[in-house]
């Protein structure tokens, strides 16, 4: 059984030069602006309000770093969760959007510490072209020491038939609900196993 011992905000960065030092294993959360990135980080860490969600989709343009302390069988493990700016919604100028996308791309491609990409997909819209494009992009740049986990959010909004469709099309799908906490333990276990290779 994996337990979250602690989780806390470290810092925000607007560009690569401002990010935390390389070293600690990182889990990078990427997804559309209203997919519920902050909610899933709060659910995984069991800390309400740790990651702040913006009421305006696409407003968060910073890379936010959180440290998480995990325990299993008397052993303690440390990792960093990284909340990346959402895509697909931003009502900002083209120049600002271009700069922001460049910083995001730089981070995704150049950051050595990233071990897991968590691609969050809104389970109510599982087949959007933009999500497929992001998955294809990550698949092209992923290194041998990196893993992509596709996690479908907002499970509580689905009917059983809709869940079946997702499972049929994505057999390895992890479905979670931040509000009901359903699937959160499974998602945490998958992240933990990928990072530390321990039995969950």
N, C-alpha and C. Protein backbone atom coordinates (compact mmCIF):
# COMPACT_ATOMS: atom_id res chain seq x y z
N UNK A 1 0.85 -1.20 0.00
CA UNK A 1 0.00 0.00 0.00
C UNK A 1 0.89 1.26 0.00
N UNK A 2 0.58 2.18 -0.91
CA UNK A 2 1.36 3.41 -1.00
C UNK A 2 0.64 4.51 -0.24
N UNK A 3 1.40 5.20 0.59
CA UNK A 3 0.82 6.31 1.34
C UNK A 3 1.51 7.60 0.96
N UNK A 4 0.73 8.68 0.92
CA UNK A 4 1.31 10.01 0.72
C UNK A 4 1.60 10.59 2.09
N UNK A 5 2.87 10.77 2.40
CA UNK A 5 3.25 11.31 3.71
C UNK A 5 3.16 12.83 3.74
N UNK A 6 3.52 13.45 2.60
CA UNK A 6 3.50 14.91 2.56
C UNK A 6 3.51 15.36 1.11
N UNK A 7 3.07 16.58 0.87
CA UNK A 7 3.12 17.19 -0.45
C UNK A 7 3.10 18.70 -0.24
N UNK A 8 3.93 19.40 -0.99
CA UNK A 8 3.97 20.85 -0.83
C UNK A 8 4.40 21.53 -2.12
N UNK A 9 3.99 22.78 -2.27
CA UNK A 9 4.33 23.61 -3.42
C UNK A 9 5.79 24.02 -3.32
N UNK A 10 6.53 23.92 -4.42
CA UNK A 10 7.95 24.31 -4.42
C UNK A 10 8.12 25.69 -5.07
N UNK A 11 7.73 25.80 -6.35
CA UNK A 11 7.85 27.10 -7.03
C UNK A 11 7.13 27.07 -8.37
N UNK A 12 6.99 28.26 -8.97
CA UNK A 12 6.44 28.39 -10.32
C UNK A 12 7.55 28.92 -11.22
N UNK A 13 7.50 28.54 -12.48
CA UNK A 13 8.50 29.02 -13.44
C UNK A 13 7.80 29.41 -14.74
N UNK A 14 8.25 30.51 -15.33
CA UNK A 14 7.66 30.92 -16.61
C UNK A 14 8.54 30.50 -17.78
N UNK A 15 9.80 30.14 -17.47
CA UNK A 15 10.70 29.66 -18.53
C UNK A 15 11.71 28.67 -17.94
N UNK A 16 12.45 27.99 -18.83
CA UNK A 16 13.37 26.93 -18.43
C UNK A 16 14.38 27.38 -17.37
N UNK A 17 14.87 28.62 -17.51
CA UNK A 17 15.90 29.11 -16.58
C UNK A 17 15.39 29.22 -15.14
N UNK A 18 14.08 29.26 -14.98
CA UNK A 18 13.52 29.44 -13.64
C UNK A 18 13.10 28.12 -12.98
N UNK A 19 13.24 27.02 -13.71
CA UNK A 19 12.76 25.74 -13.16
C UNK A 19 13.68 25.24 -12.04
N UNK A 20 13.20 24.28 -11.29
CA UNK A 20 13.98 23.72 -10.18
C UNK A 20 15.19 22.95 -10.73
N UNK A 21 16.22 22.74 -9.92
CA UNK A 21 17.39 21.99 -10.40
C UNK A 21 16.99 20.58 -10.83
N UNK A 22 17.70 20.06 -11.83
CA UNK A 22 17.45 18.69 -12.29
C UNK A 22 17.86 17.70 -11.18
N UNK A 23 17.30 16.52 -11.21
CA UNK A 23 17.75 15.51 -10.26
C UNK A 23 16.63 14.63 -9.77
N UNK A 24 15.64 15.22 -9.11
CA UNK A 24 14.55 14.42 -8.57
C UNK A 24 13.62 13.94 -9.69
N UNK A 25 13.17 12.70 -9.61
CA UNK A 25 12.27 12.15 -10.63
C UNK A 25 11.00 12.99 -10.71
N UNK A 26 10.60 13.30 -11.94
CA UNK A 26 9.44 14.17 -12.14
C UNK A 26 8.31 13.48 -12.88
N UNK A 27 7.09 13.87 -12.51
CA UNK A 27 5.88 13.42 -13.17
C UNK A 27 5.24 14.68 -13.77
N UNK A 28 5.23 14.76 -15.10
CA UNK A 28 4.71 15.96 -15.77
C UNK A 28 3.26 15.73 -16.20
N UNK A 29 2.37 16.59 -15.72
CA UNK A 29 0.94 16.49 -16.05
C UNK A 29 0.64 17.42 -17.21
N UNK A 30 0.14 16.84 -18.30
CA UNK A 30 -0.17 17.63 -19.48
C UNK A 30 -1.60 17.33 -19.92
N UNK A 31 -2.31 18.37 -20.36
CA UNK A 31 -3.69 18.16 -20.79
C UNK A 31 -4.35 19.47 -21.19
N UNK A 32 -5.54 19.36 -21.73
CA UNK A 32 -6.28 20.56 -22.13
C UNK A 32 -6.59 21.42 -20.90
N UNK A 33 -6.84 22.68 -21.15
CA UNK A 33 -6.97 23.65 -20.06
C UNK A 33 -8.04 23.31 -19.03
N UNK A 34 -9.12 22.69 -19.44
CA UNK A 34 -10.21 22.43 -18.47
C UNK A 34 -10.34 20.94 -18.14
N UNK A 35 -9.22 20.21 -18.25
CA UNK A 35 -9.28 18.75 -18.04
C UNK A 35 -9.27 18.37 -16.56
N UNK A 36 -8.86 19.31 -15.71
CA UNK A 36 -8.85 19.04 -14.27
C UNK A 36 -7.49 18.65 -13.73
N UNK A 37 -6.42 19.29 -14.26
CA UNK A 37 -5.05 18.98 -13.80
C UNK A 37 -4.88 19.28 -12.32
N UNK A 38 -5.30 20.46 -11.90
CA UNK A 38 -5.14 20.83 -10.48
C UNK A 38 -5.91 19.87 -9.58
N UNK A 39 -7.12 19.52 -9.99
CA UNK A 39 -7.96 18.62 -9.19
C UNK A 39 -7.32 17.25 -9.02
N UNK A 40 -6.71 16.74 -10.09
CA UNK A 40 -6.11 15.40 -10.00
C UNK A 40 -4.85 15.44 -9.13
N UNK A 41 -4.09 16.53 -9.20
CA UNK A 41 -2.90 16.66 -8.35
C UNK A 41 -3.34 16.73 -6.88
N UNK A 42 -4.38 17.48 -6.61
CA UNK A 42 -4.91 17.57 -5.24
C UNK A 42 -5.42 16.20 -4.76
N UNK A 43 -6.08 15.46 -5.65
CA UNK A 43 -6.62 14.14 -5.28
C UNK A 43 -5.49 13.14 -5.03
N UNK A 44 -4.48 13.15 -5.89
CA UNK A 44 -3.36 12.22 -5.74
C UNK A 44 -2.56 12.47 -4.46
N UNK A 45 -2.41 13.75 -4.13
CA UNK A 45 -1.63 14.09 -2.93
C UNK A 45 -2.49 14.10 -1.67
N UNK A 46 -3.82 14.00 -1.87
CA UNK A 46 -4.77 14.05 -0.76
C UNK A 46 -4.66 15.37 0.00
N UNK A 47 -4.42 16.43 -0.78
CA UNK A 47 -4.26 17.75 -0.18
C UNK A 47 -5.10 18.76 -0.95
N UNK A 48 -6.24 19.05 -0.41
CA UNK A 48 -7.17 19.97 -1.06
C UNK A 48 -6.55 21.37 -1.16
N UNK A 49 -6.60 21.94 -2.34
CA UNK A 49 -6.10 23.30 -2.49
C UNK A 49 -4.60 23.41 -2.70
N UNK A 50 -3.89 22.27 -2.82
CA UNK A 50 -2.45 22.33 -3.07
C UNK A 50 -2.18 22.99 -4.42
N UNK A 51 -2.81 22.44 -5.46
CA UNK A 51 -2.71 23.04 -6.79
C UNK A 51 -3.96 23.89 -7.00
N UNK A 52 -3.74 25.12 -7.38
CA UNK A 52 -4.86 26.05 -7.57
C UNK A 52 -5.34 25.99 -9.01
N UNK A 53 -6.65 25.88 -9.17
CA UNK A 53 -7.19 25.89 -10.53
C UNK A 53 -7.71 27.28 -10.84
N UNK A 54 -7.51 27.68 -12.08
CA UNK A 54 -7.97 29.01 -12.49
C UNK A 54 -9.42 28.91 -12.95
N UNK A 55 -10.19 29.94 -12.64
CA UNK A 55 -11.60 29.94 -13.08
C UNK A 55 -11.68 30.22 -14.58
N UNK A 56 -10.61 30.79 -15.14
CA UNK A 56 -10.57 31.05 -16.58
C UNK A 56 -9.69 30.00 -17.25
N UNK A 57 -10.29 29.12 -18.08
CA UNK A 57 -9.49 28.10 -18.75
C UNK A 57 -8.35 28.72 -19.55
N UNK A 58 -7.16 28.16 -19.43
CA UNK A 58 -6.02 28.65 -20.21
C UNK A 58 -5.28 29.79 -19.58
N UNK A 59 -5.69 30.20 -18.39
CA UNK A 59 -5.04 31.36 -17.77
C UNK A 59 -3.70 31.02 -17.14
N UNK A 60 -3.55 29.79 -16.67
CA UNK A 60 -2.31 29.41 -16.01
C UNK A 60 -1.21 29.22 -17.05
N UNK A 61 -0.23 30.12 -17.03
CA UNK A 61 0.84 30.04 -18.02
C UNK A 61 2.16 29.63 -17.39
N UNK A 62 2.12 29.28 -16.12
CA UNK A 62 3.35 28.92 -15.41
C UNK A 62 3.49 27.41 -15.29
N UNK A 63 4.74 26.97 -15.16
CA UNK A 63 5.03 25.58 -14.84
C UNK A 63 5.13 25.52 -13.32
N UNK A 64 4.24 24.76 -12.69
CA UNK A 64 4.19 24.71 -11.22
C UNK A 64 4.76 23.39 -10.69
N UNK A 65 5.68 23.51 -9.73
CA UNK A 65 6.36 22.34 -9.16
C UNK A 65 5.87 22.04 -7.75
N UNK A 66 5.57 20.76 -7.52
CA UNK A 66 5.15 20.30 -6.19
C UNK A 66 6.00 19.09 -5.82
N UNK A 67 6.43 19.04 -4.58
CA UNK A 67 7.17 17.86 -4.13
C UNK A 67 6.21 16.94 -3.38
N UNK A 68 6.37 15.65 -3.62
CA UNK A 68 5.53 14.67 -2.93
C UNK A 68 6.42 13.64 -2.23
N UNK A 69 6.05 13.31 -1.01
CA UNK A 69 6.79 12.32 -0.22
C UNK A 69 5.89 11.10 -0.06
N UNK A 70 6.36 9.96 -0.55
CA UNK A 70 5.56 8.73 -0.54
C UNK A 70 6.20 7.68 0.36
N UNK A 71 5.39 6.81 0.90
CA UNK A 71 5.92 5.74 1.75
C UNK A 71 5.31 4.41 1.34
N UNK A 72 6.16 3.39 1.34
CA UNK A 72 5.69 2.01 1.11
C UNK A 72 6.62 1.07 1.88
N UNK A 73 6.03 0.21 2.69
CA UNK A 73 6.81 -0.76 3.48
C UNK A 73 7.97 -0.11 4.24
N UNK A 74 7.66 0.92 4.96
CA UNK A 74 8.64 1.62 5.81
C UNK A 74 9.69 2.40 5.02
N UNK A 75 9.62 2.36 3.69
CA UNK A 75 10.59 3.11 2.88
C UNK A 75 9.95 4.42 2.43
N UNK A 76 10.79 5.45 2.30
CA UNK A 76 10.30 6.76 1.87
C UNK A 76 10.84 7.08 0.47
N UNK A 77 10.00 7.63 -0.36
CA UNK A 77 10.37 7.98 -1.73
C UNK A 77 9.98 9.44 -1.99
N UNK A 78 10.80 10.10 -2.82
CA UNK A 78 10.55 11.51 -3.13
C UNK A 78 10.39 11.68 -4.64
N UNK A 79 9.45 12.52 -5.03
CA UNK A 79 9.26 12.82 -6.44
C UNK A 79 8.71 14.24 -6.57
N UNK A 80 8.76 14.74 -7.80
CA UNK A 80 8.22 16.07 -8.06
C UNK A 80 7.07 15.96 -9.06
N UNK A 81 5.94 16.56 -8.72
CA UNK A 81 4.82 16.62 -9.65
C UNK A 81 4.86 17.98 -10.33
N UNK A 82 4.68 17.99 -11.64
CA UNK A 82 4.80 19.23 -12.39
C UNK A 82 3.51 19.49 -13.16
N UNK A 83 2.87 20.59 -12.80
CA UNK A 83 1.61 21.00 -13.44
C UNK A 83 1.97 21.93 -14.59
N UNK A 84 1.81 21.41 -15.82
CA UNK A 84 2.17 22.20 -17.00
C UNK A 84 0.99 23.03 -17.48
N UNK A 85 1.27 24.16 -18.14
CA UNK A 85 0.17 24.99 -18.65
C UNK A 85 -0.74 24.19 -19.57
N UNK A 86 -2.03 24.42 -19.47
CA UNK A 86 -2.99 23.72 -20.32
C UNK A 86 -2.91 24.23 -21.75
N UNK A 87 -3.44 23.44 -22.67
CA UNK A 87 -3.42 23.87 -24.08
C UNK A 87 -4.84 23.89 -24.63
N UNK A 88 -5.00 24.63 -25.72
CA UNK A 88 -6.25 24.56 -26.47
C UNK A 88 -7.31 25.59 -26.12
N UNK A 89 -7.05 26.48 -25.16
CA UNK A 89 -8.11 27.40 -24.75
C UNK A 89 -7.70 28.86 -24.71
N UNK A 90 -6.41 29.08 -24.67
CA UNK A 90 -5.89 30.39 -24.27
C UNK A 90 -6.37 31.56 -25.12
N UNK A 91 -6.99 32.52 -24.43
CA UNK A 91 -7.39 33.77 -25.09
C UNK A 91 -6.31 34.81 -24.79
N UNK A 92 -5.17 34.62 -25.41
CA UNK A 92 -4.05 35.55 -25.20
C UNK A 92 -3.50 35.91 -26.57
N UNK A 93 -2.62 36.91 -26.60
CA UNK A 93 -2.06 37.35 -27.88
C UNK A 93 -1.22 36.24 -28.50
N UNK A 94 -1.09 36.30 -29.82
CA UNK A 94 -0.33 35.26 -30.54
C UNK A 94 1.12 35.20 -30.08
N UNK A 95 1.72 36.38 -29.83
CA UNK A 95 3.13 36.41 -29.43
C UNK A 95 3.32 35.76 -28.06
N UNK A 96 2.38 36.04 -27.15
CA UNK A 96 2.45 35.46 -25.81
C UNK A 96 2.23 33.95 -25.89
N UNK A 97 1.27 33.57 -26.71
CA UNK A 97 0.96 32.15 -26.86
C UNK A 97 2.16 31.39 -27.44
N UNK A 98 2.83 32.02 -28.42
CA UNK A 98 4.00 31.40 -29.04
C UNK A 98 5.12 31.21 -28.03
N UNK A 99 5.34 32.22 -27.21
CA UNK A 99 6.40 32.17 -26.20
C UNK A 99 6.10 31.08 -25.17
N UNK A 100 4.84 31.05 -24.76
CA UNK A 100 4.39 30.08 -23.77
C UNK A 100 4.52 28.65 -24.31
N UNK A 101 4.09 28.46 -25.58
CA UNK A 101 4.20 27.13 -26.19
C UNK A 101 5.67 26.71 -26.32
N UNK A 102 6.55 27.69 -26.61
CA UNK A 102 7.98 27.39 -26.74
C UNK A 102 8.54 26.92 -25.39
N UNK A 103 8.17 27.63 -24.31
CA UNK A 103 8.66 27.25 -22.98
C UNK A 103 8.16 25.86 -22.59
N UNK A 104 6.92 25.59 -22.94
CA UNK A 104 6.32 24.29 -22.65
C UNK A 104 7.04 23.19 -23.43
N UNK A 105 7.26 23.43 -24.72
CA UNK A 105 7.95 22.46 -25.57
C UNK A 105 9.39 22.25 -25.11
N UNK A 106 10.07 23.35 -24.78
CA UNK A 106 11.45 23.26 -24.27
C UNK A 106 11.50 22.36 -23.04
N UNK A 107 10.57 22.59 -22.13
CA UNK A 107 10.54 21.82 -20.89
C UNK A 107 10.31 20.33 -21.18
N UNK A 108 9.32 20.04 -22.00
CA UNK A 108 8.96 18.65 -22.30
C UNK A 108 10.11 17.92 -22.99
N UNK A 109 10.79 18.61 -23.92
CA UNK A 109 11.83 17.96 -24.70
C UNK A 109 13.19 17.91 -24.00
N UNK A 110 13.51 18.96 -23.23
CA UNK A 110 14.87 19.08 -22.70
C UNK A 110 15.03 18.67 -21.24
N UNK A 111 13.94 18.55 -20.53
CA UNK A 111 14.02 18.27 -19.10
C UNK A 111 14.42 16.81 -18.86
N UNK A 112 15.59 16.59 -18.33
CA UNK A 112 16.12 15.25 -18.11
C UNK A 112 15.37 14.52 -16.98
N UNK A 113 14.91 15.28 -15.98
CA UNK A 113 14.30 14.67 -14.78
C UNK A 113 12.93 14.04 -15.01
N UNK A 114 12.27 14.38 -16.13
CA UNK A 114 10.93 13.83 -16.37
C UNK A 114 11.03 12.32 -16.59
N UNK A 115 10.33 11.56 -15.76
CA UNK A 115 10.29 10.10 -15.89
C UNK A 115 8.92 9.64 -16.39
N UNK A 116 7.89 10.40 -16.04
CA UNK A 116 6.53 10.02 -16.43
C UNK A 116 5.80 11.23 -17.01
N UNK A 117 5.19 11.05 -18.16
CA UNK A 117 4.25 12.04 -18.71
C UNK A 117 2.86 11.51 -18.39
N UNK A 118 2.09 12.26 -17.63
CA UNK A 118 0.69 11.89 -17.39
C UNK A 118 -0.15 12.74 -18.33
N UNK A 119 -0.66 12.10 -19.38
CA UNK A 119 -1.51 12.79 -20.34
C UNK A 119 -2.96 12.66 -19.87
N UNK A 120 -3.51 13.76 -19.40
CA UNK A 120 -4.88 13.76 -18.89
C UNK A 120 -5.87 14.03 -20.01
N UNK A 121 -6.89 13.19 -20.08
CA UNK A 121 -7.91 13.30 -21.12
C UNK A 121 -9.27 13.37 -20.43
N UNK A 122 -10.11 14.31 -20.85
CA UNK A 122 -11.47 14.42 -20.33
C UNK A 122 -12.26 13.21 -20.83
N UNK A 123 -12.71 12.35 -19.92
CA UNK A 123 -13.36 11.10 -20.32
C UNK A 123 -14.68 11.33 -21.06
N UNK A 124 -15.25 12.54 -20.95
CA UNK A 124 -16.50 12.84 -21.67
C UNK A 124 -16.22 13.09 -23.15
N UNK A 125 -14.95 13.39 -23.48
CA UNK A 125 -14.55 13.65 -24.87
C UNK A 125 -13.26 12.88 -25.17
N UNK A 126 -13.36 11.54 -25.22
CA UNK A 126 -12.13 10.72 -25.28
C UNK A 126 -11.42 10.68 -26.62
N UNK A 127 -12.05 11.18 -27.67
CA UNK A 127 -11.45 11.03 -29.01
C UNK A 127 -11.14 12.35 -29.70
N UNK A 128 -10.86 13.39 -28.95
CA UNK A 128 -10.57 14.68 -29.56
C UNK A 128 -9.25 14.64 -30.33
N UNK A 129 -9.26 15.33 -31.46
CA UNK A 129 -8.07 15.39 -32.32
C UNK A 129 -6.87 15.98 -31.58
N UNK A 130 -7.11 17.00 -30.76
CA UNK A 130 -6.02 17.67 -30.05
C UNK A 130 -5.34 16.72 -29.07
N UNK A 131 -6.12 15.86 -28.42
CA UNK A 131 -5.53 14.89 -27.50
C UNK A 131 -4.73 13.83 -28.25
N UNK A 132 -5.23 13.43 -29.40
CA UNK A 132 -4.50 12.45 -30.21
C UNK A 132 -3.18 13.05 -30.68
N UNK A 133 -3.22 14.34 -31.05
CA UNK A 133 -2.01 15.03 -31.51
C UNK A 133 -0.97 15.11 -30.39
N UNK A 134 -1.43 15.39 -29.17
CA UNK A 134 -0.52 15.47 -28.03
C UNK A 134 0.09 14.09 -27.75
N UNK A 135 -0.73 13.07 -27.79
CA UNK A 135 -0.24 11.72 -27.53
C UNK A 135 0.80 11.31 -28.58
N UNK A 136 0.51 11.64 -29.84
CA UNK A 136 1.45 11.32 -30.93
C UNK A 136 2.76 12.06 -30.74
N UNK A 137 2.65 13.33 -30.34
CA UNK A 137 3.84 14.16 -30.11
C UNK A 137 4.70 13.57 -28.99
N UNK A 138 4.06 13.23 -27.87
CA UNK A 138 4.79 12.65 -26.74
C UNK A 138 5.44 11.32 -27.14
N UNK A 139 4.72 10.53 -27.94
CA UNK A 139 5.24 9.23 -28.38
C UNK A 139 6.49 9.40 -29.24
N UNK A 140 6.55 10.50 -29.98
CA UNK A 140 7.71 10.77 -30.85
C UNK A 140 8.94 11.19 -30.06
N UNK A 141 8.72 11.95 -28.96
CA UNK A 141 9.87 12.51 -28.23
C UNK A 141 10.26 11.72 -26.98
N UNK A 142 9.44 10.77 -26.58
CA UNK A 142 9.67 10.05 -25.33
C UNK A 142 10.99 9.26 -25.38
N UNK A 143 11.75 9.36 -24.31
CA UNK A 143 13.04 8.66 -24.22
C UNK A 143 12.83 7.25 -23.64
N UNK A 144 13.83 6.37 -23.78
CA UNK A 144 13.68 5.01 -23.25
C UNK A 144 13.41 4.97 -21.74
N UNK A 145 13.89 5.99 -21.01
CA UNK A 145 13.69 6.00 -19.54
C UNK A 145 12.42 6.75 -19.13
N UNK A 146 11.58 7.08 -20.12
CA UNK A 146 10.33 7.79 -19.84
C UNK A 146 9.12 6.94 -20.22
N UNK A 147 8.01 7.20 -19.53
CA UNK A 147 6.76 6.47 -19.78
C UNK A 147 5.62 7.47 -19.94
N UNK A 148 4.67 7.14 -20.81
CA UNK A 148 3.46 7.96 -20.94
C UNK A 148 2.31 7.19 -20.30
N UNK A 149 1.64 7.82 -19.34
CA UNK A 149 0.43 7.23 -18.76
C UNK A 149 -0.75 8.07 -19.20
N UNK A 150 -1.74 7.42 -19.80
CA UNK A 150 -2.94 8.16 -20.20
C UNK A 150 -3.99 7.97 -19.11
N UNK A 151 -4.40 9.06 -18.49
CA UNK A 151 -5.39 9.00 -17.41
C UNK A 151 -6.62 9.81 -17.82
N UNK A 152 -7.77 9.17 -17.73
CA UNK A 152 -9.03 9.81 -18.11
C UNK A 152 -9.70 10.39 -16.85
N UNK A 153 -9.97 11.68 -16.88
CA UNK A 153 -10.55 12.36 -15.72
C UNK A 153 -12.08 12.41 -15.82
N UNK A 154 -12.69 12.86 -14.74
CA UNK A 154 -14.15 13.10 -14.67
C UNK A 154 -14.96 11.82 -14.88
N UNK A 155 -14.46 10.72 -14.33
CA UNK A 155 -15.12 9.42 -14.44
C UNK A 155 -16.55 9.46 -13.89
N UNK A 156 -16.78 10.27 -12.86
CA UNK A 156 -18.10 10.34 -12.23
C UNK A 156 -19.18 10.88 -13.16
N UNK A 157 -18.78 11.48 -14.28
CA UNK A 157 -19.76 12.05 -15.23
C UNK A 157 -20.22 11.03 -16.27
N UNK A 158 -19.63 9.82 -16.24
CA UNK A 158 -19.91 8.84 -17.30
C UNK A 158 -20.95 7.80 -16.93
N UNK A 159 -21.64 7.31 -17.98
CA UNK A 159 -22.51 6.14 -17.82
C UNK A 159 -21.62 4.91 -18.03
N UNK A 160 -22.10 3.75 -17.59
CA UNK A 160 -21.33 2.51 -17.73
C UNK A 160 -20.99 2.22 -19.19
N UNK A 161 -21.94 2.50 -20.09
CA UNK A 161 -21.71 2.23 -21.52
C UNK A 161 -20.56 3.08 -22.07
N UNK A 162 -20.45 4.33 -21.57
CA UNK A 162 -19.37 5.23 -22.02
C UNK A 162 -18.01 4.75 -21.48
N UNK A 163 -18.02 4.22 -20.26
CA UNK A 163 -16.79 3.67 -19.66
C UNK A 163 -16.32 2.48 -20.51
N UNK A 164 -17.27 1.65 -20.93
CA UNK A 164 -16.95 0.46 -21.74
C UNK A 164 -16.30 0.86 -23.07
N UNK A 165 -16.80 1.93 -23.67
CA UNK A 165 -16.23 2.40 -24.95
C UNK A 165 -14.78 2.82 -24.77
N UNK A 166 -14.49 3.55 -23.68
CA UNK A 166 -13.12 3.99 -23.42
C UNK A 166 -12.22 2.78 -23.20
N UNK A 167 -12.68 1.82 -22.40
CA UNK A 167 -11.87 0.64 -22.10
C UNK A 167 -11.62 -0.22 -23.34
N UNK A 168 -12.59 -0.22 -24.25
CA UNK A 168 -12.44 -0.99 -25.49
C UNK A 168 -11.39 -0.34 -26.39
N UNK A 169 -11.41 0.99 -26.47
CA UNK A 169 -10.49 1.71 -27.35
C UNK A 169 -9.12 1.92 -26.71
N UNK A 170 -9.08 2.02 -25.39
CA UNK A 170 -7.81 2.23 -24.66
C UNK A 170 -7.72 1.18 -23.55
N UNK A 171 -7.28 -0.04 -23.88
CA UNK A 171 -7.28 -1.13 -22.89
C UNK A 171 -6.46 -0.82 -21.63
N UNK A 172 -5.45 0.03 -21.76
CA UNK A 172 -4.61 0.35 -20.60
C UNK A 172 -5.07 1.63 -19.88
N UNK A 173 -6.26 2.10 -20.22
CA UNK A 173 -6.76 3.36 -19.66
C UNK A 173 -6.93 3.28 -18.15
N UNK A 174 -6.55 4.37 -17.49
CA UNK A 174 -6.82 4.53 -16.06
C UNK A 174 -7.88 5.62 -15.96
N UNK A 175 -9.01 5.30 -15.35
CA UNK A 175 -10.10 6.27 -15.23
C UNK A 175 -10.21 6.73 -13.79
N UNK A 176 -10.28 8.06 -13.61
CA UNK A 176 -10.34 8.59 -12.25
C UNK A 176 -11.42 9.68 -12.12
N UNK A 177 -11.85 9.84 -10.89
CA UNK A 177 -12.73 10.96 -10.54
C UNK A 177 -12.11 11.66 -9.34
N UNK A 178 -11.74 12.92 -9.53
CA UNK A 178 -11.14 13.68 -8.43
C UNK A 178 -12.14 13.93 -7.32
N UNK A 179 -13.42 14.07 -7.69
CA UNK A 179 -14.43 14.39 -6.67
C UNK A 179 -14.81 13.17 -5.83
N UNK A 180 -15.00 12.01 -6.48
CA UNK A 180 -15.38 10.81 -5.71
C UNK A 180 -14.16 10.00 -5.27
N UNK A 181 -12.99 10.36 -5.78
CA UNK A 181 -11.71 9.68 -5.49
C UNK A 181 -11.63 8.28 -6.13
N UNK A 182 -12.60 7.95 -6.95
CA UNK A 182 -12.59 6.64 -7.61
C UNK A 182 -11.42 6.58 -8.61
N UNK A 183 -10.63 5.51 -8.52
CA UNK A 183 -9.51 5.33 -9.45
C UNK A 183 -8.24 6.06 -9.05
N UNK A 184 -8.30 6.92 -8.04
CA UNK A 184 -7.13 7.72 -7.64
C UNK A 184 -6.01 6.82 -7.12
N UNK A 185 -6.35 5.82 -6.30
CA UNK A 185 -5.34 4.90 -5.77
C UNK A 185 -4.65 4.13 -6.89
N UNK A 186 -5.43 3.74 -7.89
CA UNK A 186 -4.88 3.01 -9.04
C UNK A 186 -3.91 3.90 -9.82
N UNK A 187 -4.30 5.16 -10.00
CA UNK A 187 -3.44 6.11 -10.73
C UNK A 187 -2.14 6.35 -9.96
N UNK A 188 -2.25 6.52 -8.65
CA UNK A 188 -1.07 6.75 -7.81
C UNK A 188 -0.14 5.53 -7.86
N UNK A 189 -0.73 4.34 -7.80
CA UNK A 189 0.06 3.10 -7.86
C UNK A 189 0.80 2.98 -9.20
N UNK A 190 0.13 3.34 -10.29
CA UNK A 190 0.74 3.26 -11.62
C UNK A 190 1.92 4.23 -11.74
N UNK A 191 1.74 5.44 -11.20
CA UNK A 191 2.82 6.44 -11.22
C UNK A 191 3.98 5.95 -10.37
N UNK A 192 3.67 5.45 -9.18
CA UNK A 192 4.70 4.98 -8.24
C UNK A 192 5.51 3.84 -8.86
N UNK A 193 4.80 2.89 -9.44
CA UNK A 193 5.47 1.72 -10.04
C UNK A 193 6.38 2.13 -11.19
N UNK A 194 5.91 3.10 -11.99
CA UNK A 194 6.73 3.58 -13.11
C UNK A 194 7.98 4.29 -12.63
N UNK A 195 7.85 5.08 -11.57
CA UNK A 195 8.98 5.84 -11.04
C UNK A 195 9.98 4.96 -10.31
N UNK A 196 9.48 4.09 -9.46
CA UNK A 196 10.37 3.38 -8.54
C UNK A 196 10.43 1.87 -8.76
N UNK A 197 9.60 1.37 -9.68
CA UNK A 197 9.63 -0.04 -10.00
C UNK A 197 9.28 -0.96 -8.85
N UNK A 198 8.60 -0.40 -7.84
CA UNK A 198 8.25 -1.20 -6.67
C UNK A 198 6.90 -1.85 -6.87
N UNK A 199 6.69 -2.92 -6.19
CA UNK A 199 5.38 -3.58 -6.26
C UNK A 199 4.37 -2.74 -5.51
N UNK A 200 3.24 -2.49 -6.14
CA UNK A 200 2.22 -1.67 -5.47
C UNK A 200 1.15 -2.55 -4.89
